[in-house]
N, C-alpha and C. Protein backbone atom coordinates (compact mmCIF):
# COMPACT_ATOMS: atom_id res chain seq x y z
N MET A 1 161.86 -314.92 100.32
CA MET A 1 160.84 -315.95 100.28
C MET A 1 161.23 -317.06 99.32
N ALA A 2 161.93 -316.71 98.25
CA ALA A 2 162.30 -317.72 97.26
C ALA A 2 163.22 -318.77 97.84
N SER A 3 164.05 -318.39 98.79
CA SER A 3 164.97 -319.35 99.38
C SER A 3 164.22 -320.44 100.13
N GLN A 4 163.05 -320.16 100.63
CA GLN A 4 162.25 -321.15 101.33
C GLN A 4 161.68 -322.20 100.37
N LEU A 5 161.59 -321.86 99.11
CA LEU A 5 161.02 -322.77 98.12
C LEU A 5 162.05 -323.70 97.49
N VAL A 6 163.32 -323.50 97.77
CA VAL A 6 164.37 -324.27 97.10
C VAL A 6 164.17 -325.76 97.30
N TYR A 7 163.97 -326.21 98.52
CA TYR A 7 163.82 -327.64 98.79
C TYR A 7 162.60 -328.21 98.06
N VAL A 8 161.48 -327.52 98.16
CA VAL A 8 160.25 -328.00 97.54
C VAL A 8 160.39 -328.07 96.02
N LEU A 9 160.94 -327.03 95.43
CA LEU A 9 161.06 -326.98 93.97
C LEU A 9 162.12 -327.95 93.45
N THR A 10 163.12 -328.26 94.25
CA THR A 10 164.20 -329.15 93.81
C THR A 10 163.77 -330.60 93.83
N THR A 11 163.14 -331.02 94.90
CA THR A 11 162.92 -332.45 95.10
C THR A 11 161.55 -332.94 94.68
N LEU A 12 160.55 -332.12 94.74
CA LEU A 12 159.20 -332.57 94.44
C LEU A 12 158.78 -332.16 93.02
N PRO A 13 157.96 -333.00 92.39
CA PRO A 13 157.42 -332.58 91.09
C PRO A 13 156.53 -331.36 91.27
N THR A 14 156.68 -330.40 90.39
CA THR A 14 155.90 -329.17 90.51
C THR A 14 155.02 -329.00 89.28
N SER A 15 153.75 -328.83 89.54
CA SER A 15 152.79 -328.64 88.45
C SER A 15 152.77 -327.18 88.02
N GLN A 16 152.25 -326.95 86.85
CA GLN A 16 152.12 -325.58 86.35
C GLN A 16 151.18 -324.79 87.24
N GLN A 17 150.17 -325.44 87.79
CA GLN A 17 149.22 -324.76 88.68
C GLN A 17 149.92 -324.26 89.94
N PHE A 18 150.82 -325.08 90.50
CA PHE A 18 151.57 -324.69 91.70
C PHE A 18 152.46 -323.49 91.40
N ILE A 19 153.16 -323.54 90.29
CA ILE A 19 154.04 -322.43 89.91
C ILE A 19 153.23 -321.16 89.68
N LYS A 20 152.07 -321.29 89.06
CA LYS A 20 151.21 -320.13 88.83
C LYS A 20 150.75 -319.53 90.16
N GLU A 21 150.39 -320.38 91.12
CA GLU A 21 149.95 -319.89 92.43
C GLU A 21 151.08 -319.16 93.16
N ILE A 22 152.29 -319.71 93.09
CA ILE A 22 153.43 -319.07 93.75
C ILE A 22 153.70 -317.71 93.10
N ASN A 23 153.68 -317.66 91.76
CA ASN A 23 153.87 -316.39 91.06
C ASN A 23 152.82 -315.36 91.50
N GLU A 24 151.58 -315.79 91.59
CA GLU A 24 150.51 -314.88 92.01
C GLU A 24 150.76 -314.35 93.41
N LEU A 25 151.22 -315.22 94.31
CA LEU A 25 151.53 -314.77 95.68
C LEU A 25 152.64 -313.73 95.68
N PHE A 26 153.69 -313.97 94.88
CA PHE A 26 154.80 -313.02 94.80
C PHE A 26 154.32 -311.66 94.30
N TYR A 27 153.56 -311.67 93.21
CA TYR A 27 153.14 -310.40 92.61
C TYR A 27 152.04 -309.71 93.42
N ASP A 28 151.18 -310.49 94.08
CA ASP A 28 150.20 -309.87 94.97
C ASP A 28 150.90 -309.18 96.13
N PHE A 29 151.96 -309.81 96.64
CA PHE A 29 152.73 -309.18 97.72
C PHE A 29 153.41 -307.90 97.22
N LEU A 30 154.00 -307.99 96.04
CA LEU A 30 154.72 -306.83 95.48
C LEU A 30 153.79 -305.64 95.27
N TRP A 31 152.61 -305.89 94.73
CA TRP A 31 151.69 -304.81 94.39
C TRP A 31 150.56 -304.65 95.40
N SER A 32 150.65 -305.29 96.53
CA SER A 32 149.62 -305.21 97.59
C SER A 32 148.24 -305.59 97.06
N GLY A 33 148.19 -306.57 96.14
CA GLY A 33 146.93 -307.07 95.63
C GLY A 33 146.19 -306.14 94.70
N ARG A 34 146.83 -305.08 94.22
CA ARG A 34 146.16 -304.08 93.37
C ARG A 34 146.40 -304.27 91.88
N GLY A 35 146.96 -305.38 91.48
CA GLY A 35 147.23 -305.60 90.06
C GLY A 35 148.61 -305.12 89.68
N ASP A 36 149.12 -305.65 88.60
CA ASP A 36 150.48 -305.31 88.15
C ASP A 36 150.53 -303.89 87.60
N LYS A 37 151.57 -303.18 88.00
CA LYS A 37 151.79 -301.81 87.50
C LYS A 37 152.85 -301.79 86.41
N ILE A 38 153.70 -302.81 86.41
CA ILE A 38 154.78 -302.95 85.42
C ILE A 38 154.71 -304.36 84.86
N LYS A 39 154.99 -304.52 83.58
CA LYS A 39 154.97 -305.85 82.98
C LYS A 39 155.91 -306.79 83.72
N ARG A 40 155.48 -308.03 83.87
CA ARG A 40 156.28 -309.02 84.59
C ARG A 40 157.60 -309.31 83.89
N ASN A 41 157.61 -309.27 82.58
CA ASN A 41 158.86 -309.47 81.84
C ASN A 41 159.88 -308.39 82.19
N THR A 42 159.40 -307.18 82.36
CA THR A 42 160.28 -306.07 82.70
C THR A 42 160.82 -306.23 84.12
N LEU A 43 159.98 -306.67 85.04
CA LEU A 43 160.40 -306.84 86.43
C LEU A 43 161.52 -307.87 86.58
N THR A 44 161.52 -308.91 85.76
CA THR A 44 162.52 -309.97 85.90
C THR A 44 163.85 -309.59 85.25
N ASN A 45 163.89 -308.49 84.52
CA ASN A 45 165.15 -308.05 83.91
C ASN A 45 166.14 -307.59 84.97
N ASP A 46 167.40 -307.53 84.58
CA ASP A 46 168.45 -307.04 85.46
C ASP A 46 168.37 -305.51 85.54
N TYR A 47 169.06 -304.93 86.50
CA TYR A 47 169.02 -303.48 86.70
C TYR A 47 169.42 -302.67 85.47
N PRO A 48 170.50 -303.03 84.75
CA PRO A 48 170.86 -302.22 83.57
C PRO A 48 169.78 -302.21 82.49
N GLU A 49 168.94 -303.25 82.46
CA GLU A 49 167.84 -303.29 81.49
C GLU A 49 166.56 -302.71 82.09
N VAL A 50 166.69 -301.89 83.12
CA VAL A 50 165.59 -301.20 83.80
C VAL A 50 164.62 -302.21 84.43
N GLY A 51 165.16 -303.28 84.98
CA GLY A 51 164.35 -304.26 85.67
C GLY A 51 164.60 -304.21 87.17
N LEU A 52 163.91 -305.08 87.89
CA LEU A 52 164.06 -305.14 89.34
C LEU A 52 164.59 -306.49 89.82
N ARG A 53 165.01 -307.33 88.89
CA ARG A 53 165.56 -308.65 89.20
C ARG A 53 164.58 -309.50 90.01
N MET A 54 163.30 -309.41 89.69
CA MET A 54 162.28 -310.23 90.34
C MET A 54 162.48 -311.68 89.92
N VAL A 55 162.25 -312.61 90.83
CA VAL A 55 162.46 -314.03 90.55
C VAL A 55 161.34 -314.55 89.66
N ASP A 56 161.72 -315.21 88.57
CA ASP A 56 160.77 -315.92 87.73
C ASP A 56 160.72 -317.36 88.25
N ILE A 57 159.64 -317.71 88.93
CA ILE A 57 159.56 -318.99 89.63
C ILE A 57 159.69 -320.17 88.68
N GLU A 58 159.13 -320.08 87.50
CA GLU A 58 159.22 -321.20 86.55
C GLU A 58 160.67 -321.44 86.14
N SER A 59 161.40 -320.40 85.80
CA SER A 59 162.81 -320.55 85.44
C SER A 59 163.64 -321.00 86.63
N PHE A 60 163.32 -320.48 87.80
CA PHE A 60 164.00 -320.85 89.04
C PHE A 60 163.84 -322.35 89.31
N SER A 61 162.63 -322.85 89.16
CA SER A 61 162.35 -324.27 89.38
C SER A 61 163.10 -325.13 88.38
N LYS A 62 163.07 -324.75 87.13
CA LYS A 62 163.77 -325.53 86.09
C LYS A 62 165.27 -325.54 86.32
N SER A 63 165.83 -324.43 86.73
CA SER A 63 167.27 -324.38 86.95
C SER A 63 167.67 -325.24 88.15
N LEU A 64 166.86 -325.26 89.20
CA LEU A 64 167.15 -326.10 90.36
C LEU A 64 167.13 -327.58 89.99
N LYS A 65 166.16 -327.98 89.19
CA LYS A 65 166.06 -329.38 88.77
C LYS A 65 167.21 -329.75 87.84
N THR A 66 167.62 -328.83 86.99
CA THR A 66 168.74 -329.07 86.07
C THR A 66 170.04 -329.26 86.84
N ILE A 67 170.26 -328.44 87.85
CA ILE A 67 171.46 -328.57 88.67
C ILE A 67 171.45 -329.91 89.41
N TRP A 68 170.28 -330.33 89.91
CA TRP A 68 170.16 -331.60 90.61
C TRP A 68 170.53 -332.75 89.67
N ILE A 69 170.02 -332.72 88.46
CA ILE A 69 170.32 -333.78 87.47
C ILE A 69 171.80 -333.76 87.12
N LYS A 70 172.35 -332.57 86.93
CA LYS A 70 173.78 -332.45 86.60
C LYS A 70 174.64 -333.08 87.70
N LYS A 71 174.32 -332.79 88.96
CA LYS A 71 175.08 -333.37 90.06
C LYS A 71 174.90 -334.88 90.12
N TYR A 72 173.71 -335.37 89.85
CA TYR A 72 173.43 -336.81 89.87
C TYR A 72 174.23 -337.54 88.79
N MET A 73 174.37 -336.93 87.63
CA MET A 73 175.07 -337.55 86.51
C MET A 73 176.59 -337.37 86.56
N ASP A 74 177.08 -336.58 87.49
CA ASP A 74 178.52 -336.32 87.61
C ASP A 74 179.29 -337.58 87.96
N GLN A 75 180.33 -337.90 87.20
CA GLN A 75 181.13 -339.09 87.42
C GLN A 75 181.92 -339.02 88.72
N ASN A 76 182.21 -337.82 89.20
CA ASN A 76 182.97 -337.65 90.43
C ASN A 76 182.10 -337.71 91.69
N ASN A 77 180.80 -337.83 91.51
CA ASN A 77 179.88 -337.90 92.64
C ASN A 77 179.88 -339.32 93.20
N HIS A 78 180.37 -339.48 94.41
CA HIS A 78 180.47 -340.82 95.00
C HIS A 78 179.44 -341.02 96.10
N GLY A 79 178.46 -340.14 96.21
CA GLY A 79 177.41 -340.30 97.22
C GLY A 79 176.45 -341.41 96.82
N LYS A 80 175.63 -341.82 97.76
CA LYS A 80 174.67 -342.88 97.50
C LYS A 80 173.58 -342.38 96.61
């Protein structure tokens, strides 16, 4: 599902409310709407740290925008 959000999160301004709603949708899907069973910080950890590598939408959004800015500022970028 996160891959479907790449375009929206990269190009459009995203409010904290939007990110909060997306996070809620992800965790409601994960727990079938019954509330969190494991701390969200733990879920986003990698497997060796006993996590499940769950996507943190806020960090995901920031990283997409950072990559976009980096490509825009690249001297070798000759696109319009």
